[in-house]
Protein backbone atom coordinates (compact mmCIF):
# COMPACT_ATOMS: atom_id res chain seq x y z
CA LYS A 1 171.22 162.98 135.26
CA LYS A 2 169.36 166.14 135.19
CA ASP A 3 167.28 167.31 137.22
CA GLY A 4 163.08 167.35 136.75
CA LYS A 5 163.93 171.66 135.82
CA GLY A 6 167.07 170.63 133.91
CA LEU A 7 164.45 168.03 131.25
CA ASP A 8 161.96 170.56 131.64
CA ALA A 9 163.86 172.97 130.04
CA LEU A 10 165.97 170.49 127.81
CA TYR A 11 162.56 168.85 126.66
CA THR A 12 161.05 172.40 125.89
CA THR A 13 164.51 173.32 124.10
CA ARG A 14 163.50 170.26 121.24
CA LEU A 15 160.24 171.44 121.25
CA LYS A 16 160.91 174.62 120.02
CA SER A 17 163.49 173.57 117.36
CA LEU A 18 161.28 170.50 115.93
CA ASP A 19 159.77 170.57 112.55
CA ARG A 20 156.02 172.14 113.09
CA ASN A 21 154.96 169.63 110.27
CA ASP A 22 156.70 165.94 112.26
CA THR A 23 153.38 165.53 114.30
CA THR A 24 154.91 162.55 116.14
CA ALA A 25 157.74 164.08 117.70
CA ARG A 26 155.88 166.49 119.03
CA LEU A 27 153.32 164.59 120.70
CA LEU A 28 156.27 162.40 122.33
CA LEU A 29 158.02 165.16 123.50
CA LEU A 30 154.89 167.03 124.59
CA GLU A 31 153.59 163.36 126.42
CA ARG A 32 156.58 163.37 128.00
CA LEU A 33 156.55 167.09 128.87
CA ALA A 34 153.01 166.65 130.44
CA GLN A 35 153.92 162.84 132.98
CA LEU A 36 157.38 165.32 134.39
CA ARG A 37 155.55 168.13 135.44
CA ARG A 38 152.63 166.51 136.61
CA TYR A 39 154.37 163.74 138.93
CA GLU A 40 158.17 165.44 139.10
CA LEU A 41 157.92 168.93 139.10
CA ARG A 42 154.08 168.66 140.46
CA ASP A 43 153.82 171.60 138.56
CA LEU A 44 149.74 170.66 137.23
CA ARG A 45 149.09 174.54 135.71
CA ALA A 46 152.08 173.29 133.11
CA ALA A 47 150.98 170.03 132.97
CA ILE A 48 147.78 170.93 131.72
CA ASP A 49 149.65 173.40 129.14
CA ALA A 50 151.44 170.23 127.85
CA CYS A 51 147.70 168.15 127.65
CA GLU A 52 145.78 171.17 125.63
CA ALA A 53 148.79 171.53 123.26
CA MET A 54 148.64 167.27 122.48
CA SER A 55 145.27 167.45 121.80
CA ALA A 56 145.59 170.62 119.76
CA LEU A 57 147.82 168.50 117.92
CA ASP A 58 145.48 165.76 117.69
CA PRO A 59 141.81 166.90 117.77
CA ASP A 60 140.60 162.82 118.28
CA ALA A 61 143.04 161.95 120.78
CA ILE A 62 141.33 160.67 124.26
CA LYS A 63 143.64 160.65 126.64
CA PRO A 64 145.42 164.01 126.89
CA ARG A 65 141.95 165.01 127.19
CA GLU A 66 141.20 163.03 130.54
CA ASP A 67 144.63 163.87 131.70
CA ALA A 68 143.38 167.23 131.76
CA ALA A 69 140.32 166.55 133.26
CA ARG A 70 141.42 164.43 136.32
CA LEU A 71 144.59 168.07 136.20
CA HIS A 72 141.77 170.44 136.75
CA VAL A 73 139.76 168.52 139.60
CA GLU A 74 143.41 168.33 141.89
CA LEU A 75 143.43 172.05 140.82
CA GLY A 76 139.53 172.54 142.49
CA GLN A 77 139.15 173.73 138.61
CA TRP A 78 135.10 172.37 138.02
CA LYS A 79 134.46 174.26 135.27
CA GLU A 80 137.16 173.16 132.75
CA ALA A 81 137.14 169.57 134.50
CA VAL A 82 133.85 169.59 133.42
CA TYR A 83 134.56 171.14 129.75
CA ALA A 84 137.06 168.40 129.20
CA TRP A 85 135.17 165.02 130.23
CA ARG A 86 132.73 166.78 128.28
CA ALA A 87 135.63 167.17 125.65
CA VAL A 88 136.43 163.36 126.01
CA LEU A 89 132.69 162.15 126.21
CA ASP A 90 132.60 164.32 122.61
CA ARG A 91 135.10 161.84 121.03
CA ASP A 92 133.59 158.26 122.88
CA THR A 93 129.80 158.86 124.20
CA LEU A 94 130.70 155.64 126.14
CA LEU A 95 133.39 155.74 127.65
CA THR A 96 132.87 154.81 131.27
CA GLU A 97 135.46 156.33 133.19
CA ALA A 98 134.36 160.09 131.35
CA TRP A 99 131.11 159.62 132.62
CA ARG A 100 132.59 158.51 135.63
CA GLY A 101 134.52 161.86 136.10
CA LEU A 102 131.89 164.24 135.09
CA PHE A 103 129.34 162.28 138.32
CA SER A 104 132.84 163.19 140.26
CA VAL A 105 132.95 166.39 139.46
CA TYR A 106 129.61 167.63 139.94
CA ALA A 107 129.14 165.62 142.90
CA ARG A 108 132.56 167.59 144.58
CA SER A 109 131.16 170.39 143.52
CA ARG A 110 127.75 169.77 145.00
CA GLN A 111 125.97 170.42 141.82
CA ALA A 112 123.58 168.02 143.10
CA ASP A 113 121.19 168.64 139.89
CA ASP A 114 123.72 167.81 137.35
CA ALA A 115 125.24 165.27 139.22
CA PHE A 116 121.47 163.27 139.54
CA ALA A 117 121.30 163.61 135.43
CA VAL A 118 124.80 162.33 135.05
CA ALA A 119 124.22 159.23 137.32
CA ALA A 120 120.59 158.82 135.55
CA THR A 121 121.75 158.90 132.22
CA MET A 122 124.54 156.72 133.24
CA ALA A 123 122.23 153.75 134.21
CA ALA A 124 119.80 154.22 131.36
CA LEU A 125 123.03 153.65 129.16
CA GLU A 126 123.97 150.65 131.60
CA ILE A 127 127.50 151.80 132.33
CA ALA A 128 126.75 152.91 135.68
CA ASP A 129 127.36 150.37 139.29
CA ASP A 130 124.63 149.05 140.98
CA ASP A 131 125.19 151.46 144.11
CA MET A 132 124.16 154.15 141.65
CA VAL A 133 121.72 152.08 139.58
CA ARG A 134 119.55 151.26 143.17
CA ALA A 135 120.06 155.29 144.52
CA VAL A 136 118.88 156.97 140.99
CA ARG A 137 116.16 154.45 141.67
CA ALA A 138 115.14 155.82 144.49
CA VAL A 139 114.58 159.80 143.37
CA ARG A 140 113.29 158.47 140.13
CA PRO A 141 111.57 155.20 139.57
CA PRO A 142 112.10 153.91 136.05
CA PHE A 143 109.91 154.91 133.45
CA PRO A 144 107.44 154.16 132.23
CA ARG A 145 105.73 151.76 134.85
CA TRP A 146 102.72 149.77 133.00
CA PRO A 147 99.98 149.42 135.25
CA LEU A 148 98.65 145.67 135.88
CA PRO A 149 95.38 145.11 135.24
CA PRO A 150 92.24 144.61 137.47
CA ALA A 151 91.54 140.90 138.09
CA ASP A 152 87.73 142.19 138.26
CA ALA A 153 87.45 144.95 136.30
CA THR A 154 83.80 145.99 136.74
CA SER A 155 83.91 145.93 141.28
CA THR A 156 87.29 148.53 139.61
CA LYS A 157 85.37 150.00 137.53
CA LYS A 158 82.70 151.08 140.16
CA LYS A 159 85.35 152.19 142.87
CA LEU A 160 86.83 154.50 140.38
CA ALA A 161 83.12 156.14 139.40
CA HIS A 162 81.53 159.01 140.49
CA PRO A 163 78.57 157.94 142.79
CA MET A 164 76.09 159.22 140.61
CA GLU A 165 77.19 157.54 138.15
CA ARG A 166 75.83 154.59 139.98
CA THR A 167 72.02 156.34 141.04
CA ALA A 168 68.14 155.87 139.34
CA VAL A 169 69.01 159.63 138.98
CA ARG A 170 71.70 158.78 136.01
CA ALA A 171 69.44 156.03 134.89
CA VAL A 172 66.44 158.52 134.07
CA LEU A 173 68.48 161.10 132.52
CA GLU A 174 69.79 159.07 130.08
CA VAL A 175 66.19 158.37 128.83
CA VAL A 176 65.27 162.03 129.40
CA ALA A 177 68.49 163.44 127.90
CA PRO A 178 68.19 162.96 123.96
CA ARG A 179 64.46 164.46 123.98
CA LEU A 180 65.59 167.65 126.59
CA LEU A 181 68.55 168.38 125.46
CA PRO A 182 67.30 169.41 121.90
CA ARG A 183 64.47 171.99 123.33
CA LEU A 184 67.48 173.06 125.75
CA GLY A 185 69.47 174.01 122.27
CA ARG A 186 66.03 175.96 121.00
CA PRO A 187 65.90 179.65 121.55
CA MET A 188 63.14 180.54 124.46
CA GLN A 189 60.43 181.77 122.09
CA ASP A 190 60.26 178.30 120.16
CA SER A 191 58.76 177.29 123.99
CA GLY A 192 56.24 179.62 124.13
CA VAL A 193 58.54 181.40 126.95
CA ARG A 194 59.15 185.46 126.71
CA ARG A 195 62.14 186.79 128.01
CA LYS A 196 60.46 189.22 130.35
CA ASP A 197 58.71 185.91 132.04
CA ALA A 198 62.09 184.12 132.26
CA PRO A 199 63.30 183.70 136.57
């Protein structure tokens, strides 16, 4: 039985000897390499390399990108982890684990605005758990909130109106304004007033 390093060397040698067009066999060996390096050798950087090689062979694959994202998180490589989770979401927008992973990265790296944006998106997509929904709504209530119609519309209007709107002056102006405004819009000489007489 070979040890971990021996198996790594064996898989690597086999990989190099495979036909480059034999995608299935190459993917199988790369997956074994990734698992070996991740769980037995604890060589996370090398495991990421294997995952990225799998992604290059199969552009639509999701699992190697998920694995790479989690490995970046273990290494504290937040920027790379975000990139990997976004690559997963590009291929499956509603994958809950990817959204949770992205939220976790932003939360652990103390990027509060980005973490809230992800949480709000998850709440909108209805893939957030109850605790996350409550947290989002505590910061930003659901929108829009349509107002309830008042029981007494007239009374409400009076409370909101300017005090001058309810005075006798307002009533007088409503009668006088139609006659007064046209005169105010004319030149002063039309009213018999000369410029030098104006205050």
